[in-house]
Amino acid sequence: MKEPFSFEPGRIVESIQGRDRGYCFLVVRNAGDGLVEIADGDRHKLAKPKRKKTKHLRAKPALLNLTALRPEGGALQDSDLRRALEQNGFTRERSLCKEV
């Protein structure tokens, strides 16, 4: 089944396969060949994002501007990712990762 949303950087995704199934993440960058790097600032930090196949992810309609997550400037931090996910209704608990 084709995903209705693309996996560009800033897209919120939910893992549907693997140990992190049910958790929501933010796409940090495309790694090519059907792979993306995802992070949530908690389990997978920006310093070492998780590489995951796009077929194991479900894209959500929320698309965030990564540069706007840090309005005061500087490098993006893990706390910015955690705050962005919580503000958009994607909690960090597995059972509550649902759209609002």
N, C-alpha and C. Protein backbone atom coordinates (compact mmCIF):
# COMPACT_ATOMS: atom_id res chain seq x y z
N MET A 1 0.84 -1.19 0.00
CA MET A 1 0.00 0.00 0.00
C MET A 1 0.88 1.24 0.00
N LYS A 2 0.56 2.16 -0.85
CA LYS A 2 1.32 3.40 -0.96
C LYS A 2 0.94 4.35 0.16
N GLU A 3 1.95 4.95 0.77
CA GLU A 3 1.72 5.93 1.84
C GLU A 3 1.16 7.22 1.24
N PRO A 4 0.15 7.82 1.88
CA PRO A 4 -0.40 9.06 1.35
C PRO A 4 0.50 10.27 1.59
N PHE A 5 1.46 10.14 2.53
CA PHE A 5 2.37 11.24 2.84
C PHE A 5 3.80 10.80 2.55
N SER A 6 4.65 11.74 2.16
CA SER A 6 6.04 11.42 1.88
C SER A 6 6.85 11.46 3.18
N PHE A 7 8.05 10.93 3.12
CA PHE A 7 8.93 10.84 4.29
C PHE A 7 10.03 11.89 4.22
N GLU A 8 9.67 13.14 4.05
CA GLU A 8 10.67 14.21 4.01
C GLU A 8 11.04 14.62 5.43
N PRO A 9 12.19 15.26 5.62
CA PRO A 9 12.59 15.71 6.95
C PRO A 9 11.54 16.63 7.57
N GLY A 10 11.22 16.35 8.83
CA GLY A 10 10.22 17.11 9.54
C GLY A 10 8.89 16.38 9.66
N ARG A 11 8.72 15.29 8.95
CA ARG A 11 7.48 14.51 9.00
C ARG A 11 7.44 13.70 10.29
N ILE A 12 6.31 13.68 10.97
CA ILE A 12 6.13 12.82 12.14
C ILE A 12 5.67 11.46 11.65
N VAL A 13 6.33 10.41 12.15
CA VAL A 13 6.03 9.05 11.73
C VAL A 13 5.81 8.17 12.96
N GLU A 14 5.08 7.09 12.75
CA GLU A 14 4.87 6.09 13.79
C GLU A 14 5.51 4.79 13.32
N SER A 15 6.26 4.15 14.19
CA SER A 15 6.88 2.88 13.87
C SER A 15 5.83 1.78 13.93
N ILE A 16 5.76 0.93 12.89
CA ILE A 16 4.80 -0.16 12.87
C ILE A 16 5.48 -1.52 12.93
N GLN A 17 6.82 -1.55 12.95
CA GLN A 17 7.57 -2.79 13.04
C GLN A 17 8.78 -2.59 13.94
N GLY A 18 9.18 -3.65 14.62
CA GLY A 18 10.40 -3.60 15.43
C GLY A 18 10.13 -3.36 16.90
N ARG A 19 11.19 -3.23 17.66
CA ARG A 19 11.08 -3.02 19.11
C ARG A 19 10.41 -1.71 19.47
N ASP A 20 10.53 -0.74 18.59
CA ASP A 20 9.96 0.58 18.87
C ASP A 20 8.56 0.75 18.26
N ARG A 21 7.88 -0.38 17.96
CA ARG A 21 6.55 -0.34 17.37
C ARG A 21 5.60 0.45 18.28
N GLY A 22 4.85 1.37 17.69
CA GLY A 22 3.88 2.17 18.42
C GLY A 22 4.41 3.52 18.87
N TYR A 23 5.71 3.74 18.78
CA TYR A 23 6.29 5.02 19.19
C TYR A 23 6.31 5.98 18.01
N CYS A 24 6.21 7.27 18.31
CA CYS A 24 6.27 8.30 17.27
C CYS A 24 7.64 8.95 17.25
N PHE A 25 8.10 9.28 16.06
CA PHE A 25 9.41 9.87 15.84
C PHE A 25 9.29 11.01 14.84
N LEU A 26 10.38 11.72 14.65
CA LEU A 26 10.48 12.78 13.66
C LEU A 26 11.54 12.39 12.65
N VAL A 27 11.23 12.49 11.37
CA VAL A 27 12.23 12.19 10.34
C VAL A 27 13.26 13.30 10.34
N VAL A 28 14.54 12.92 10.52
CA VAL A 28 15.62 13.89 10.57
C VAL A 28 16.22 14.10 9.19
N ARG A 29 16.43 12.99 8.45
CA ARG A 29 16.97 13.09 7.09
C ARG A 29 16.69 11.81 6.32
N ASN A 30 16.70 11.92 5.00
CA ASN A 30 16.58 10.75 4.14
C ASN A 30 17.94 10.11 4.00
N ALA A 31 17.99 8.78 4.09
CA ALA A 31 19.25 8.07 3.96
C ALA A 31 19.34 7.36 2.61
N GLY A 32 18.35 7.50 1.77
CA GLY A 32 18.36 6.90 0.44
C GLY A 32 17.94 5.45 0.45
N ASP A 33 17.54 4.94 -0.71
CA ASP A 33 17.15 3.54 -0.89
C ASP A 33 16.06 3.09 0.07
N GLY A 34 15.05 3.90 0.28
CA GLY A 34 13.95 3.53 1.15
C GLY A 34 14.25 3.59 2.63
N LEU A 35 15.30 4.29 3.01
CA LEU A 35 15.69 4.43 4.41
C LEU A 35 15.59 5.89 4.84
N VAL A 36 15.20 6.10 6.10
CA VAL A 36 15.23 7.42 6.69
C VAL A 36 15.88 7.32 8.06
N GLU A 37 16.34 8.43 8.57
CA GLU A 37 16.87 8.49 9.92
C GLU A 37 15.86 9.21 10.78
N ILE A 38 15.49 8.56 11.91
CA ILE A 38 14.45 9.10 12.78
C ILE A 38 15.01 9.32 14.18
N ALA A 39 14.43 10.28 14.89
CA ALA A 39 14.84 10.57 16.26
C ALA A 39 13.63 11.11 17.00
N ASP A 40 13.63 10.93 18.32
CA ASP A 40 12.57 11.51 19.15
C ASP A 40 13.13 12.28 20.33
N GLY A 41 14.44 12.32 20.48
CA GLY A 41 15.06 13.06 21.57
C GLY A 41 15.09 12.30 22.87
N ASP A 42 14.53 11.10 22.90
CA ASP A 42 14.49 10.31 24.13
C ASP A 42 15.18 8.96 23.91
N ARG A 43 14.54 8.07 23.19
CA ARG A 43 15.15 6.76 22.90
C ARG A 43 16.21 6.86 21.82
N HIS A 44 15.95 7.66 20.82
CA HIS A 44 16.91 7.86 19.73
C HIS A 44 17.23 9.35 19.66
N LYS A 45 18.46 9.68 19.99
CA LYS A 45 18.90 11.08 20.06
C LYS A 45 19.32 11.57 18.68
N LEU A 46 19.46 12.88 18.55
CA LEU A 46 19.91 13.49 17.29
C LEU A 46 21.35 13.10 16.97
N ALA A 47 22.17 12.87 17.99
CA ALA A 47 23.56 12.51 17.77
C ALA A 47 23.68 11.13 17.12
N LYS A 48 22.72 10.24 17.37
CA LYS A 48 22.74 8.90 16.79
C LYS A 48 21.32 8.50 16.43
N PRO A 49 20.78 9.03 15.32
CA PRO A 49 19.40 8.71 14.94
C PRO A 49 19.29 7.27 14.45
N LYS A 50 18.09 6.73 14.54
CA LYS A 50 17.80 5.36 14.11
C LYS A 50 17.55 5.34 12.62
N ARG A 51 18.24 4.43 11.91
CA ARG A 51 17.97 4.22 10.48
C ARG A 51 16.88 3.19 10.37
N LYS A 52 15.83 3.51 9.62
CA LYS A 52 14.69 2.61 9.52
C LYS A 52 14.14 2.64 8.11
N LYS A 53 13.68 1.49 7.63
CA LYS A 53 13.06 1.41 6.31
C LYS A 53 11.70 2.08 6.35
N THR A 54 11.37 2.77 5.27
CA THR A 54 10.10 3.48 5.23
C THR A 54 8.91 2.53 5.23
N LYS A 55 9.09 1.29 4.80
CA LYS A 55 7.98 0.34 4.81
C LYS A 55 7.62 -0.08 6.24
N HIS A 56 8.48 0.22 7.20
CA HIS A 56 8.22 -0.08 8.60
C HIS A 56 7.70 1.13 9.37
N LEU A 57 7.34 2.18 8.65
CA LEU A 57 6.86 3.41 9.27
C LEU A 57 5.52 3.82 8.67
N ARG A 58 4.70 4.48 9.47
CA ARG A 58 3.45 5.06 9.00
C ARG A 58 3.57 6.57 9.16
N ALA A 59 3.51 7.28 8.05
CA ALA A 59 3.63 8.74 8.07
C ALA A 59 2.35 9.36 8.58
N LYS A 60 2.48 10.35 9.44
CA LYS A 60 1.34 11.10 9.97
C LYS A 60 1.19 12.39 9.16
N PRO A 61 0.02 13.03 9.20
CA PRO A 61 -0.18 14.24 8.39
C PRO A 61 0.62 15.44 8.87
N ALA A 62 1.16 15.39 10.08
CA ALA A 62 1.89 16.54 10.63
C ALA A 62 3.28 16.65 10.00
N LEU A 63 3.59 17.81 9.47
CA LEU A 63 4.90 18.12 8.91
C LEU A 63 5.42 19.37 9.58
N LEU A 64 6.58 19.26 10.24
CA LEU A 64 7.15 20.37 10.99
C LEU A 64 8.35 20.95 10.25
N ASN A 65 8.54 22.24 10.39
CA ASN A 65 9.72 22.90 9.86
C ASN A 65 10.83 22.76 10.89
N LEU A 66 11.88 22.00 10.57
CA LEU A 66 12.94 21.72 11.54
C LEU A 66 13.68 22.98 11.97
N THR A 67 13.82 23.95 11.09
CA THR A 67 14.52 25.18 11.47
C THR A 67 13.67 26.04 12.40
N ALA A 68 12.35 25.91 12.32
CA ALA A 68 11.47 26.69 13.18
C ALA A 68 11.35 26.10 14.58
N LEU A 69 11.83 24.88 14.78
CA LEU A 69 11.76 24.27 16.11
C LEU A 69 12.70 24.95 17.10
N ARG A 70 13.69 25.65 16.58
CA ARG A 70 14.66 26.35 17.43
C ARG A 70 14.61 27.82 17.05
N PRO A 71 13.61 28.59 17.52
CA PRO A 71 13.44 29.98 17.08
C PRO A 71 14.58 30.90 17.49
N GLU A 72 15.27 30.61 18.59
CA GLU A 72 16.36 31.48 19.02
C GLU A 72 17.65 31.21 18.26
N GLY A 73 17.63 30.28 17.33
CA GLY A 73 18.80 29.98 16.52
C GLY A 73 19.67 28.92 17.16
N GLY A 74 20.70 28.53 16.46
CA GLY A 74 21.59 27.50 16.97
C GLY A 74 21.19 26.13 16.45
N ALA A 75 21.91 25.13 16.92
CA ALA A 75 21.68 23.76 16.47
C ALA A 75 20.44 23.17 17.13
N LEU A 76 19.76 22.31 16.41
CA LEU A 76 18.60 21.61 16.92
C LEU A 76 19.02 20.67 18.04
N GLN A 77 18.23 20.60 19.11
CA GLN A 77 18.56 19.77 20.25
C GLN A 77 17.46 18.74 20.49
N ASP A 78 17.79 17.72 21.30
CA ASP A 78 16.84 16.66 21.61
C ASP A 78 15.60 17.20 22.31
N SER A 79 15.78 18.20 23.17
CA SER A 79 14.63 18.78 23.87
C SER A 79 13.66 19.45 22.89
N ASP A 80 14.17 19.98 21.79
CA ASP A 80 13.30 20.58 20.77
C ASP A 80 12.42 19.52 20.12
N LEU A 81 12.99 18.34 19.88
CA LEU A 81 12.21 17.25 19.30
C LEU A 81 11.13 16.77 20.26
N ARG A 82 11.49 16.59 21.52
CA ARG A 82 10.52 16.15 22.52
C ARG A 82 9.37 17.15 22.65
N ARG A 83 9.71 18.42 22.70
CA ARG A 83 8.70 19.47 22.83
C ARG A 83 7.78 19.50 21.60
N ALA A 84 8.35 19.37 20.41
CA ALA A 84 7.56 19.41 19.18
C ALA A 84 6.59 18.24 19.10
N LEU A 85 7.04 17.05 19.48
CA LEU A 85 6.16 15.89 19.46
C LEU A 85 5.01 16.05 20.46
N GLU A 86 5.31 16.55 21.64
CA GLU A 86 4.28 16.72 22.66
C GLU A 86 3.29 17.82 22.29
N GLN A 87 3.78 18.92 21.73
CA GLN A 87 2.90 20.03 21.34
C GLN A 87 1.95 19.65 20.21
N ASN A 88 2.35 18.70 19.37
CA ASN A 88 1.51 18.27 18.26
C ASN A 88 0.65 17.07 18.61
N GLY A 89 0.60 16.70 19.89
CA GLY A 89 -0.30 15.65 20.33
C GLY A 89 0.25 14.24 20.22
N PHE A 90 1.52 14.09 19.99
CA PHE A 90 2.13 12.77 19.88
C PHE A 90 2.94 12.53 21.14
N THR A 91 2.33 11.84 22.10
CA THR A 91 2.99 11.61 23.37
C THR A 91 4.09 10.58 23.22
N ARG A 92 4.93 10.48 24.23
CA ARG A 92 6.08 9.58 24.15
C ARG A 92 5.78 8.18 24.65
N GLU A 93 4.59 7.93 25.19
CA GLU A 93 4.24 6.59 25.63
C GLU A 93 3.71 5.79 24.46
N ARG A 94 4.04 4.53 24.43
CA ARG A 94 3.67 3.67 23.32
C ARG A 94 2.16 3.59 23.15
N SER A 95 1.42 3.38 24.21
CA SER A 95 -0.01 3.15 24.09
C SER A 95 -0.79 4.42 23.75
N LEU A 96 -0.20 5.59 23.92
CA LEU A 96 -0.92 6.84 23.69
C LEU A 96 -0.50 7.55 22.41
N CYS A 97 0.28 6.94 21.56
CA CYS A 97 0.78 7.56 20.36
C CYS A 97 -0.32 7.58 19.29
N LYS A 98 -1.20 8.53 19.41
CA LYS A 98 -2.33 8.62 18.48
C LYS A 98 -2.48 10.08 18.04
N GLU A 99 -3.14 10.25 16.91
CA GLU A 99 -3.40 11.59 16.42
C GLU A 99 -4.45 12.25 17.29
N VAL A 100 -4.34 13.53 17.45
CA VAL A 100 -5.34 14.30 18.23
C VAL A 100 -6.26 15.02 17.30
